Protein backbone atom coordinates (compact mmCIF):
# COMPACT_ATOMS: atom_id res chain seq x y z
CA MET A 1 0.00 0.00 0.00
CA SER A 2 1.41 3.41 -0.96
CA ASN A 3 1.78 6.24 1.50
CA GLN A 4 -0.94 8.25 -0.30
CA LYS A 5 -3.44 5.39 -0.13
CA GLN A 6 -2.64 4.67 3.50
CA MET A 7 -3.05 8.35 4.39
CA ALA A 8 -6.37 8.61 2.50
CA ASP A 9 -7.69 5.46 4.19
CA GLU A 10 -6.67 6.77 7.63
CA ALA A 11 -8.43 10.09 6.99
CA ALA A 12 -11.56 8.31 5.73
CA ARG A 13 -11.59 6.00 8.75
CA VAL A 14 -11.59 8.95 11.18
CA ILE A 15 -14.32 10.72 9.18
CA GLN A 16 -16.49 7.57 9.07
CA GLN A 17 -16.18 7.15 12.83
CA GLU A 18 -17.76 10.57 13.28
CA SER A 19 -20.79 10.14 11.01
CA SER A 20 -23.02 7.47 9.49
CA VAL A 21 -23.33 9.50 6.24
CA ARG A 22 -21.79 7.67 3.28
CA PRO A 23 -21.39 10.39 0.66
CA GLU A 24 -21.90 9.88 -3.07
CA ALA A 25 -20.64 13.31 -4.12
CA ALA A 26 -17.91 15.66 -2.86
CA ILE A 27 -18.17 19.43 -3.21
CA ILE A 28 -15.21 21.77 -2.84
CA LEU A 29 -16.79 24.98 -1.60
CA GLY A 30 -14.44 27.40 -3.29
CA THR A 31 -15.19 31.06 -3.96
CA GLY A 32 -18.76 31.38 -5.21
CA LEU A 33 -20.06 28.33 -3.36
CA SER A 34 -19.29 29.00 0.31
CA GLY A 35 -22.94 29.92 0.96
CA LEU A 36 -23.98 26.42 -0.09
CA ALA A 37 -22.75 25.23 3.32
CA ASP A 38 -25.74 26.96 4.93
CA GLN A 39 -28.16 24.77 2.95
CA ILE A 40 -26.66 21.41 3.93
CA GLU A 41 -28.65 19.25 6.36
CA VAL A 42 -25.57 18.79 8.51
CA ASP A 43 -24.88 15.49 10.22
CA LYS A 44 -21.32 16.33 11.30
CA ARG A 45 -18.78 19.13 11.01
CA LEU A 46 -15.11 18.27 11.38
CA SER A 47 -12.28 20.76 11.60
CA TYR A 48 -9.46 19.92 9.18
CA GLU A 49 -7.22 19.83 12.27
CA ALA A 50 -9.16 16.78 13.49
CA ILE A 51 -8.57 14.79 10.30
CA PRO A 52 -5.26 12.95 9.83
CA HIS A 53 -2.99 14.29 7.06
CA PHE A 54 -5.25 17.22 6.13
CA PRO A 55 -3.38 20.50 5.58
CA GLN A 56 -4.71 23.67 7.23
CA SER A 57 -6.30 26.40 5.11
CA THR A 58 -4.53 29.75 5.51
CA VAL A 59 -6.80 31.84 3.27
CA GLU A 60 -9.09 34.20 5.21
CA THR A 61 -12.22 33.46 3.15
CA HIS A 62 -11.85 29.66 3.50
CA ALA A 63 -13.36 28.10 6.65
CA GLY A 64 -11.26 24.95 7.00
CA GLU A 65 -13.85 22.31 7.86
CA LEU A 66 -15.32 19.15 6.38
CA ILE A 67 -19.11 18.83 6.43
CA LEU A 68 -21.05 15.56 6.12
CA GLY A 69 -24.76 15.66 5.45
CA ARG A 70 -27.47 15.79 2.83
CA LEU A 71 -28.05 18.34 0.09
CA ALA A 72 -30.71 18.25 -2.64
CA GLY A 73 -31.58 14.74 -1.50
CA LYS A 74 -28.03 13.41 -1.89
CA ALA A 75 -25.52 12.28 0.73
CA ILE A 76 -22.53 14.60 0.33
CA VAL A 77 -19.20 15.57 1.82
CA ALA A 78 -18.41 19.27 1.49
CA LEU A 79 -14.95 20.75 1.86
CA SER A 80 -15.39 24.27 3.19
CA GLY A 81 -12.01 25.79 2.48
CA ARG A 82 -9.48 24.55 -0.04
CA PHE A 83 -5.71 24.60 -0.21
CA HIS A 84 -3.57 26.40 -2.76
CA TYR A 85 -0.12 25.78 -4.19
CA TYR A 86 0.85 29.39 -3.37
CA GLU A 87 0.31 28.71 0.34
CA GLY A 88 3.42 26.53 0.22
CA TYR A 89 1.74 23.13 0.05
CA SER A 90 2.77 20.48 -2.45
CA LEU A 91 0.28 19.67 -5.20
CA GLN A 92 -0.25 16.27 -3.53
CA GLN A 93 -1.23 18.05 -0.30
CA VAL A 94 -3.48 20.46 -2.20
CA SER A 95 -5.39 17.56 -3.74
CA PHE A 96 -5.31 15.20 -0.74
CA PRO A 97 -8.97 15.91 0.23
CA VAL A 98 -9.98 14.42 -3.13
CA ARG A 99 -8.13 11.21 -2.20
CA ALA A 100 -9.93 11.16 1.15
CA ALA A 101 -13.30 11.74 -0.56
CA LYS A 102 -12.67 8.84 -2.94
CA ALA A 103 -11.81 6.64 0.06
CA LEU A 104 -15.19 7.64 1.54
CA GLY A 105 -16.88 6.22 -1.58
CA VAL A 106 -17.83 9.31 -3.61
CA HIS A 107 -18.28 8.97 -7.40
CA THR A 108 -18.56 12.66 -8.36
CA LEU A 109 -16.58 15.81 -7.57
CA ILE A 110 -18.13 19.28 -7.91
CA VAL A 111 -15.61 22.11 -7.74
CA SER A 112 -15.83 25.90 -7.94
CA ASN A 113 -13.41 28.79 -8.12
CA ALA A 114 -13.06 32.52 -8.65
CA CYS A 115 -11.14 33.49 -11.74
CA GLY A 116 -10.17 36.27 -14.10
CA GLY A 117 -11.84 36.47 -17.51
CA LEU A 118 -9.52 36.33 -20.52
CA ASN A 119 -12.17 35.90 -23.21
CA PRO A 120 -13.21 39.42 -24.33
CA GLU A 121 -16.81 38.22 -24.64
CA PHE A 122 -16.90 37.48 -20.89
CA SER A 123 -17.66 40.07 -18.19
CA ALA A 124 -17.07 40.28 -14.46
CA GLY A 125 -20.11 38.72 -12.80
CA ASP A 126 -20.46 35.92 -15.36
CA LEU A 127 -20.75 32.26 -14.39
CA MET A 128 -18.90 29.64 -16.48
CA VAL A 129 -19.03 25.85 -16.63
CA ILE A 130 -15.52 24.50 -17.19
CA THR A 131 -15.18 22.37 -20.32
CA ASP A 132 -11.40 21.80 -20.17
CA HIS A 133 -8.27 23.16 -18.51
CA ILE A 134 -4.64 24.08 -19.17
CA ASN A 135 -2.12 23.23 -16.47
CA LEU A 136 0.49 25.99 -16.11
CA MET A 137 0.99 25.45 -12.38
CA GLY A 138 4.53 24.19 -12.91
CA GLY A 139 3.86 20.73 -11.50
CA ASN A 140 1.47 17.81 -11.31
CA PRO A 141 0.03 16.05 -8.21
CA LEU A 142 0.73 12.63 -9.84
CA ILE A 143 4.51 13.09 -10.07
CA GLY A 144 6.31 10.36 -8.12
CA PRO A 145 5.73 6.62 -7.72
CA ASN A 146 2.27 5.51 -8.88
CA ASP A 147 -0.03 3.30 -6.84
CA ASP A 148 -2.22 1.28 -9.23
CA GLU A 149 -4.82 0.97 -6.44
CA LEU A 150 -5.31 4.75 -6.61
CA GLY A 151 -5.31 5.03 -10.40
CA PRO A 152 -3.32 4.38 -13.60
CA ARG A 153 0.24 5.55 -14.16
CA PHE A 154 -0.76 7.55 -17.26
CA PRO A 155 -4.36 8.71 -16.77
CA ASP A 156 -6.11 9.89 -19.93
CA MET A 157 -7.11 13.56 -19.81
CA CYS A 158 -9.20 13.83 -22.98
CA GLU A 159 -12.32 14.46 -20.84
CA PRO A 160 -11.30 15.83 -17.43
CA TYR A 161 -14.70 17.50 -17.02
CA THR A 162 -17.47 14.98 -17.62
CA LYS A 163 -19.43 15.78 -20.79
CA ASP A 164 -22.81 14.59 -19.54
CA LEU A 165 -22.41 16.71 -16.38
CA ILE A 166 -21.56 19.78 -18.50
CA ALA A 167 -24.71 19.09 -20.55
CA LEU A 168 -26.71 18.70 -17.32
CA ALA A 169 -25.41 22.04 -16.02
CA GLU A 170 -26.31 23.79 -19.27
CA GLN A 171 -29.80 22.24 -19.25
CA LYS A 172 -30.44 23.26 -15.63
CA ALA A 173 -29.09 26.78 -16.25
CA LEU A 174 -31.55 27.13 -19.13
CA GLU A 175 -34.44 25.93 -16.97
CA LEU A 176 -33.49 28.32 -14.16
CA GLY A 177 -32.90 31.27 -16.49
CA ILE A 178 -29.26 31.57 -15.39
CA PRO A 179 -26.86 32.76 -18.13
CA LEU A 180 -23.99 30.26 -18.29
CA ARG A 181 -20.74 30.65 -20.20
CA ARG A 182 -18.63 27.64 -21.15
CA GLY A 183 -14.88 27.64 -21.53
CA VAL A 184 -11.33 26.61 -20.72
CA TYR A 185 -9.81 27.35 -17.29
CA LEU A 186 -6.07 27.91 -16.96
CA GLY A 187 -4.38 26.99 -13.68
CA TRP A 188 -1.63 29.41 -12.58
CA PRO A 189 0.52 28.98 -9.45
CA GLY A 190 0.19 32.55 -8.08
CA PRO A 191 0.16 34.32 -5.72
CA CYS A 192 1.01 37.33 -7.88
CA LEU A 193 -1.46 38.23 -10.59
CA GLU A 194 -0.34 37.94 -14.18
CA THR A 195 1.41 40.46 -16.41
CA ARG A 196 -0.11 41.90 -19.59
CA ALA A 197 2.20 39.69 -21.65
CA GLU A 198 1.17 36.60 -19.68
CA TYR A 199 -2.52 37.38 -20.22
CA ARG A 200 -1.89 37.71 -23.97
CA PHE A 201 -0.03 34.39 -23.98
CA MET A 202 -2.83 32.63 -22.08
CA ARG A 203 -5.47 33.89 -24.49
CA ILE A 204 -3.37 32.86 -27.50
CA ILE A 205 -3.06 29.27 -26.21
CA GLY A 206 -6.82 28.95 -25.77
CA ALA A 207 -7.71 29.91 -22.18
CA ASP A 208 -10.99 31.69 -21.42
CA THR A 209 -10.31 32.20 -17.70
CA VAL A 210 -7.34 32.02 -15.30
CA GLY A 211 -7.17 31.13 -11.61
CA MET A 212 -4.92 29.65 -8.92
CA SER A 213 -6.75 26.45 -7.96
CA THR A 214 -8.91 23.56 -9.26
CA VAL A 215 -6.45 21.94 -11.71
CA PRO A 216 -4.60 19.79 -9.11
CA GLU A 217 -7.86 18.57 -7.57
CA VAL A 218 -9.32 17.72 -10.98
CA ILE A 219 -6.20 15.85 -12.13
CA THR A 220 -6.36 13.80 -8.92
CA ALA A 221 -10.09 13.19 -9.38
CA VAL A 222 -9.56 11.94 -12.94
CA HIS A 223 -6.75 9.68 -11.71
CA ALA A 224 -9.13 8.30 -9.07
CA GLY A 225 -11.91 7.64 -11.62
CA LEU A 226 -14.30 10.33 -10.37
CA ARG A 227 -16.71 12.26 -12.55
CA VAL A 228 -16.08 16.01 -12.41
CA LEU A 229 -18.24 19.11 -12.75
CA GLY A 230 -16.52 22.50 -12.44
CA PHE A 231 -17.75 26.10 -12.27
CA SER A 232 -15.91 29.41 -12.39
CA ALA A 233 -17.11 32.74 -11.00
CA ILE A 234 -15.57 35.41 -13.23
CA THR A 235 -14.71 38.18 -10.79
CA ASP A 236 -12.53 40.48 -12.91
CA GLU A 237 -11.59 41.13 -16.53
CA CYS A 238 -8.00 40.43 -17.58
CA PHE A 239 -7.81 42.24 -20.90
CA PRO A 240 -4.16 43.28 -21.46
CA ASP A 241 -4.86 46.53 -23.31
CA ALA A 242 -7.29 47.80 -20.69
CA LEU A 243 -5.62 46.40 -17.57
CA GLU A 244 -5.90 48.21 -14.27
CA PRO A 245 -4.66 47.24 -10.79
CA VAL A 246 -6.99 44.73 -9.12
CA ASN A 247 -8.92 45.64 -5.99
CA ILE A 248 -9.32 42.46 -3.88
CA GLU A 249 -12.40 43.90 -2.12
CA ASP A 250 -14.07 44.39 -5.51
CA ILE A 251 -13.25 40.80 -6.49
CA ILE A 252 -14.78 39.43 -3.27
CA ALA A 253 -17.89 41.62 -3.76
CA CYS A 254 -18.26 40.34 -7.34
CA ALA A 255 -17.86 36.71 -6.17
CA ASN A 256 -20.57 37.29 -3.56
CA SER A 257 -22.91 38.64 -6.26
CA ILE A 258 -22.39 35.48 -8.36
CA GLU A 259 -22.86 33.11 -5.41
CA PRO A 260 -26.70 32.89 -5.41
CA LYS A 261 -26.72 31.89 -9.10
CA MET A 262 -23.99 29.29 -8.65
CA THR A 263 -25.66 27.88 -5.53
CA ARG A 264 -29.02 27.44 -7.31
CA LEU A 265 -27.35 25.81 -10.29
CA VAL A 266 -25.26 23.39 -8.22
CA LEU A 267 -28.32 22.38 -6.18
CA ALA A 268 -30.26 21.65 -9.39
CA CYS A 269 -27.38 19.59 -10.80
CA LEU A 270 -26.91 17.69 -7.57
CA GLU A 271 -30.60 16.83 -7.42
CA SER A 272 -30.33 15.23 -10.89
CA LEU A 273 -27.17 13.22 -10.29
CA ASP A 274 -27.85 9.64 -11.35
CA GLY A 275 -25.61 7.73 -8.98
CA GLY A 276 -22.52 7.80 -11.17
CA HIS A 277 -23.63 5.40 -13.86
């Protein structure tokens, strides 16, 4: 048994001792989804500090607790507070909660983030379903010895975001009257924001949005055989020829304005999940 598998099993064992909930989906409550925590029928809250091998979230807007309960009729595990590469964690540590969720038995990962818009057709305040990603984080959570029990040595990444879940999100957005963009998310290590030249480069290579999370968790989820649905809250516009210094308070305010739409859409998608088959 590899160290990663042993650590994930130990974390899952502690979590299972605290609750009888056996989750079928995991939700990373990133920016734009933190309010979803208030709608969970909570069975148990666990501080990350109480779970073996979990890192500690150092970002002010991330709570740092695992929630087990029910949401939209489904048993779920929610991760309130995620970890970022720029905090100094390895990409394996950043994505470790996905390993623990898989060990708990989940079949689907729903992930959200805040990001900058690169596509000139996008505006701050837009909501986007992620159709694909570009990894420019400078690393990969799968580097190192591979454990075949966790997943294949060379996982195929032709469909990191599950097509039928993207279609479901678009259908539900239409029914709810929520405008929904679709596009490619680019993962960047951070913590500094990008230069004008970097934004131009990212747009040239096909990115619609850029952010500092999500990619490591999704790579790990694909490796583990999970289905993935991802959403981005576009909180600022990264157009090189009209670039101005970013105001973090404005970004947080914009993310908060997107949150009700994203929450409604995720609830509708979760309600229609078919058990992973």
